[in-house]
Amino acid sequence: MKNILIIGATSAIAIACARKWAEQRARLFLVARNGDRLAQVAADLRARGAELAVCHQLDINDLAAHSEMLAHFTRELGQLDVALVAPGTLPDQKACELDPALAVREFNVNAVSIIALLTPIANMLEAQRHGALAVISSVAGDRGRGSNYVYGSAKAALTAFCEGLRARLFKAGAHVLTIKPGFVATPMTEGMPLPGPLVATPEKVANDIIRAVERRKDVLYTPWFWSIIMLIIRSVPRFLFKRTSL
């Protein structure tokens, strides 16, 4: 059975992944900020077959608390087979343009705090010389767009960090998967005017993630057609791209 660490465990995509791992009787260590919601998720996963579902309440922005969370994981589960890192927010771009402090705070949530957490997890995997680290970034990180460049730049930083980390851990026998979802029907996107045919369910994304972890893929666009969409967007010349309303 696998020992799986899930950070941001109350997000829709993380829950969908956890449910599939629970059906495989995995041992799960669940980390999130909302303790009550976390307990509900853990109870659901135990009912679905999880061998173990341990909760740890953590605000990922509290960098000093990261080490205790990982120590708790080690005490409860031992070695780490898979870590899914899924926290994030979708900031209001216009509000960030008016408030520099908010822009920095959102960048920290979506990049800096996650990078701070990935570093000790990577050290664990390097010492073990095996294991997988799956990190949810976004297609938004592939190119800076006027409509969401605070979020996109944070995800771009995270994606670049994961690429370097992948090269480092490959030499130790461990693996890093960068996950780039497109539009997903989650509470975070509720109410947004999204193009229906391009919107995926968390369950669809979770299936893709679990398969990509098992196959040791480097980068996952999910659903698959986002790799083509983003190839086109990246190919638009800058003098034209700056005139778009993307």
Protein backbone atom coordinates (compact mmCIF):
# COMPACT_ATOMS: atom_id res chain seq x y z
CA MET A 1 0.00 0.00 0.00
CA LYS A 2 1.13 3.58 -0.71
CA ASN A 3 1.88 6.31 1.81
CA ILE A 4 0.46 9.49 0.31
CA LEU A 5 0.81 13.08 1.50
CA ILE A 6 -1.88 15.44 0.20
CA ILE A 7 -1.42 19.15 0.85
CA GLY A 8 -4.42 21.32 0.11
CA ALA A 9 -6.50 18.21 0.79
CA THR A 10 -9.86 20.00 0.90
CA SER A 11 -9.63 21.29 -2.68
CA ALA A 12 -11.95 19.64 -5.20
CA ILE A 13 -9.15 18.11 -7.29
CA ALA A 14 -7.28 16.84 -4.22
CA ILE A 15 -10.45 15.24 -2.82
CA ALA A 16 -11.13 13.50 -6.14
CA CYS A 17 -7.58 12.11 -6.18
CA ALA A 18 -7.78 11.06 -2.53
CA ARG A 19 -11.01 9.15 -3.15
CA LYS A 20 -9.40 7.14 -5.91
CA TRP A 21 -6.37 6.39 -3.74
CA ALA A 22 -8.69 5.43 -0.87
CA GLU A 23 -10.28 2.81 -3.11
CA GLN A 24 -6.77 1.36 -3.50
CA ARG A 25 -6.53 1.19 0.32
CA ALA A 26 -3.75 3.77 0.46
CA ARG A 27 -2.54 5.37 3.69
CA LEU A 28 -3.31 9.08 3.48
CA PHE A 29 -1.94 12.08 5.35
CA LEU A 30 -4.21 15.05 4.75
CA VAL A 31 -3.12 18.67 5.18
CA ALA A 32 -5.34 21.75 4.91
CA ARG A 33 -6.15 25.01 6.67
CA ASN A 34 -9.79 24.28 7.56
CA GLY A 35 -9.71 21.67 10.33
CA ASP A 36 -13.45 20.93 10.38
CA ARG A 37 -13.62 20.41 6.63
CA LEU A 38 -10.46 18.31 6.79
CA ALA A 39 -12.05 15.99 9.37
CA GLN A 40 -15.09 15.53 7.11
CA VAL A 41 -12.88 14.64 4.16
CA ALA A 42 -10.90 12.14 6.26
CA ALA A 43 -14.08 10.41 7.45
CA ASP A 44 -15.30 10.11 3.87
CA LEU A 45 -11.98 8.60 2.76
CA ARG A 46 -11.99 6.02 5.56
CA ALA A 47 -15.49 4.99 4.50
CA ARG A 48 -14.22 4.58 0.93
CA GLY A 49 -11.48 2.17 1.99
CA ALA A 50 -8.45 4.21 3.02
CA GLU A 51 -6.20 2.16 5.29
CA LEU A 52 -5.39 5.33 7.22
CA ALA A 53 -6.46 8.98 6.95
CA VAL A 54 -4.51 11.26 9.29
CA CYS A 55 -5.34 14.99 9.50
CA HIS A 56 -2.95 17.88 10.01
CA GLN A 57 -4.20 21.46 10.09
CA LEU A 58 -1.79 23.91 8.44
CA ASP A 59 -1.83 27.35 6.89
CA ILE A 60 0.72 26.92 4.12
CA ASN A 61 1.72 30.59 4.49
CA ASP A 62 3.10 29.76 7.95
CA LEU A 63 6.50 28.68 6.66
CA ALA A 64 7.80 27.93 10.16
CA ALA A 65 5.11 25.26 10.58
CA HIS A 66 6.10 23.23 7.51
CA SER A 67 8.80 21.21 9.27
CA GLU A 68 6.47 20.07 12.07
CA MET A 69 3.89 18.94 9.52
CA LEU A 70 6.48 16.81 7.72
CA ALA A 71 7.74 15.43 11.03
CA HIS A 72 4.16 14.48 11.90
CA PHE A 73 3.86 12.71 8.55
CA THR A 74 7.03 10.72 9.20
CA ARG A 75 5.87 9.70 12.68
CA GLU A 76 2.52 8.48 11.38
CA LEU A 77 3.33 6.96 7.99
CA GLY A 78 7.11 6.60 7.69
CA GLN A 79 8.43 6.77 4.15
CA LEU A 80 6.82 8.93 1.48
CA ASP A 81 5.63 7.32 -1.74
CA VAL A 82 3.59 10.12 -3.31
CA ALA A 83 3.10 13.77 -2.39
CA LEU A 84 0.31 15.74 -4.07
CA VAL A 85 0.70 19.49 -3.56
CA ALA A 86 -2.57 21.22 -4.44
CA PRO A 87 -3.05 24.52 -2.56
CA GLY A 88 -3.83 27.73 -4.39
CA THR A 89 -6.16 30.65 -4.81
CA LEU A 90 -7.59 32.43 -7.84
CA PRO A 91 -7.00 36.15 -7.19
CA ASP A 92 -9.04 39.07 -8.43
CA GLN A 93 -6.72 40.58 -11.02
CA LYS A 94 -8.31 44.04 -10.90
CA ALA A 95 -8.09 44.14 -7.10
CA CYS A 96 -4.43 43.15 -7.29
CA GLU A 97 -3.77 45.99 -9.73
CA LEU A 98 -5.13 48.47 -7.19
CA ASP A 99 -3.46 46.96 -4.12
CA PRO A 100 0.24 46.01 -4.34
CA ALA A 101 0.08 44.26 -0.96
CA LEU A 102 -2.72 42.04 -2.21
CA ALA A 103 -0.78 41.24 -5.38
CA VAL A 104 2.24 40.19 -3.33
CA ARG A 105 0.09 38.18 -0.94
CA GLU A 106 -1.55 36.27 -3.80
CA PHE A 107 1.84 35.63 -5.41
CA ASN A 108 3.12 34.29 -2.11
CA VAL A 109 0.13 31.95 -1.71
CA ASN A 110 0.42 30.55 -5.24
CA ALA A 111 4.21 30.39 -5.54
CA VAL A 112 6.45 31.32 -2.60
CA SER A 113 4.74 29.30 0.13
CA ILE A 114 4.51 26.27 -2.14
CA ILE A 115 8.15 26.52 -3.18
CA ALA A 116 9.08 26.72 0.50
CA LEU A 117 7.19 23.50 1.12
CA LEU A 118 8.47 21.65 -1.94
CA THR A 119 12.07 22.12 -0.82
CA PRO A 120 11.97 19.91 2.33
CA ILE A 121 9.71 17.39 0.57
CA ALA A 122 12.30 17.14 -2.19
CA ASN A 123 14.99 16.58 0.42
CA MET A 124 12.95 13.68 1.85
CA LEU A 125 12.57 12.07 -1.57
CA GLU A 126 16.24 12.59 -2.39
CA ALA A 127 17.27 10.89 0.85
CA GLN A 128 14.88 7.97 0.19
CA ARG A 129 16.00 7.75 -3.46
CA HIS A 130 12.47 7.01 -4.59
CA GLY A 131 8.98 8.51 -4.58
CA ALA A 132 6.91 10.95 -6.61
CA LEU A 133 6.07 14.61 -6.13
CA ALA A 134 3.01 15.84 -8.04
CA VAL A 135 2.48 19.61 -8.04
CA ILE A 136 -0.61 21.40 -9.34
CA SER A 137 0.39 24.44 -11.36
CA SER A 138 -1.80 25.78 -14.19
CA VAL A 139 -1.95 26.40 -17.92
CA ALA A 140 -2.05 30.08 -16.86
CA GLY A 141 1.68 29.85 -16.19
CA ASP A 142 2.50 29.18 -19.83
CA ARG A 143 2.15 32.82 -20.85
CA GLY A 144 1.46 36.10 -19.10
CA ARG A 145 -2.04 37.27 -20.04
CA GLY A 146 -3.47 40.65 -19.24
CA SER A 147 -6.58 39.18 -17.61
CA ASN A 148 -4.74 37.22 -14.88
CA TYR A 149 -1.03 37.95 -14.89
CA VAL A 150 -0.69 37.94 -11.08
CA TYR A 151 -1.94 34.35 -10.93
CA GLY A 152 -0.17 33.40 -14.16
CA SER A 153 3.20 34.74 -13.06
CA ALA A 154 2.98 32.82 -9.79
CA LYS A 155 2.21 29.62 -11.66
CA ALA A 156 5.02 30.33 -14.11
CA ALA A 157 7.45 30.60 -11.20
CA LEU A 158 6.12 27.36 -9.73
CA THR A 159 6.38 25.56 -13.07
CA ALA A 160 9.99 26.68 -13.58
CA PHE A 161 10.88 25.64 -10.03
CA CYS A 162 9.39 22.18 -10.60
CA GLU A 163 11.33 21.76 -13.84
CA GLY A 164 14.60 22.38 -12.05
CA LEU A 165 13.55 20.17 -9.16
CA ARG A 166 12.71 17.38 -11.60
CA ALA A 167 16.24 17.48 -13.01
CA ARG A 168 17.69 17.36 -9.50
CA LEU A 169 15.54 14.49 -8.19
CA PHE A 170 15.84 12.41 -11.35
CA LYS A 171 19.45 11.75 -10.42
CA ALA A 172 18.28 10.39 -7.05
CA GLY A 173 15.61 8.09 -8.51
CA ALA A 174 12.66 10.26 -7.48
CA HIS A 175 10.21 11.98 -9.80
CA VAL A 176 8.44 15.33 -10.17
CA LEU A 177 5.19 15.75 -12.10
CA THR A 178 3.98 19.24 -13.01
CA ILE A 179 0.20 19.30 -13.41
CA LYS A 180 -1.33 21.98 -15.65
CA PRO A 181 -5.12 21.92 -15.51
CA GLY A 182 -7.24 24.14 -17.70
CA PHE A 183 -10.73 25.16 -16.62
CA VAL A 184 -12.09 22.86 -13.89
CA ALA A 185 -15.55 23.00 -12.32
CA THR A 186 -14.62 23.66 -8.69
CA PRO A 187 -15.81 26.05 -5.96
CA MET A 188 -12.87 28.31 -6.92
CA THR A 189 -14.29 28.82 -10.44
CA GLU A 190 -17.98 28.83 -9.50
CA GLY A 191 -19.81 31.77 -11.07
CA MET A 192 -17.10 32.49 -13.62
CA PRO A 193 -18.21 32.71 -17.29
CA LEU A 194 -16.25 29.67 -18.46
CA PRO A 195 -16.62 28.08 -21.93
CA GLY A 196 -18.60 24.91 -21.17
CA PRO A 197 -16.93 22.53 -23.67
CA LEU A 198 -13.50 23.32 -22.19
CA VAL A 199 -14.48 22.78 -18.53
CA ALA A 200 -13.46 19.47 -16.92
CA THR A 201 -14.73 17.79 -13.77
CA PRO A 202 -12.40 17.25 -10.80
CA GLU A 203 -12.89 13.49 -11.28
CA LYS A 204 -11.61 13.67 -14.87
CA VAL A 205 -8.56 15.67 -13.76
CA ALA A 206 -7.95 13.25 -10.87
CA ASN A 207 -7.96 10.26 -13.23
CA ASP A 208 -5.37 12.00 -15.40
CA ILE A 209 -3.20 12.88 -12.39
CA ILE A 210 -3.15 9.38 -10.94
CA ARG A 211 -2.34 7.86 -14.33
CA ALA A 212 0.44 10.42 -14.89
CA VAL A 213 1.97 9.68 -11.47
CA GLU A 214 1.96 5.95 -12.21
CA ARG A 215 3.54 6.52 -15.63
CA ARG A 216 6.11 9.02 -14.26
CA LYS A 217 5.15 11.72 -16.73
CA ASP A 218 7.03 14.99 -16.49
CA VAL A 219 4.22 17.40 -17.42
CA LEU A 220 0.49 16.79 -17.56
CA TYR A 221 -1.94 19.05 -19.39
CA THR A 222 -5.43 18.08 -18.28
CA PRO A 223 -7.65 17.59 -20.15
CA TRP A 224 -5.22 16.70 -22.93
CA PHE A 225 -6.46 19.30 -25.43
CA TRP A 226 -4.99 22.09 -23.30
CA SER A 227 -1.55 21.15 -24.59
CA ILE A 228 -2.73 22.15 -28.09
CA ILE A 229 -4.54 25.28 -26.90
CA MET A 230 -1.48 26.49 -25.01
CA LEU A 231 0.84 25.66 -27.92
CA ILE A 232 -1.25 28.00 -30.06
CA ILE A 233 -1.33 30.71 -27.39
CA ARG A 234 2.44 30.50 -26.88
CA SER A 235 2.95 30.80 -30.65
CA VAL A 236 1.14 34.13 -31.05
CA PRO A 237 3.74 36.87 -31.72
CA ARG A 238 4.14 39.39 -28.91
CA PHE A 239 3.13 42.38 -31.03
CA LEU A 240 -0.22 40.66 -31.64
CA PHE A 241 -0.58 39.02 -28.24
CA LYS A 242 -0.48 42.32 -26.34
CA ARG A 243 -3.51 43.45 -28.34
CA THR A 244 -5.66 40.51 -27.28
CA SER A 245 -8.07 40.47 -24.35
CA LEU A 246 -7.03 37.01 -23.13
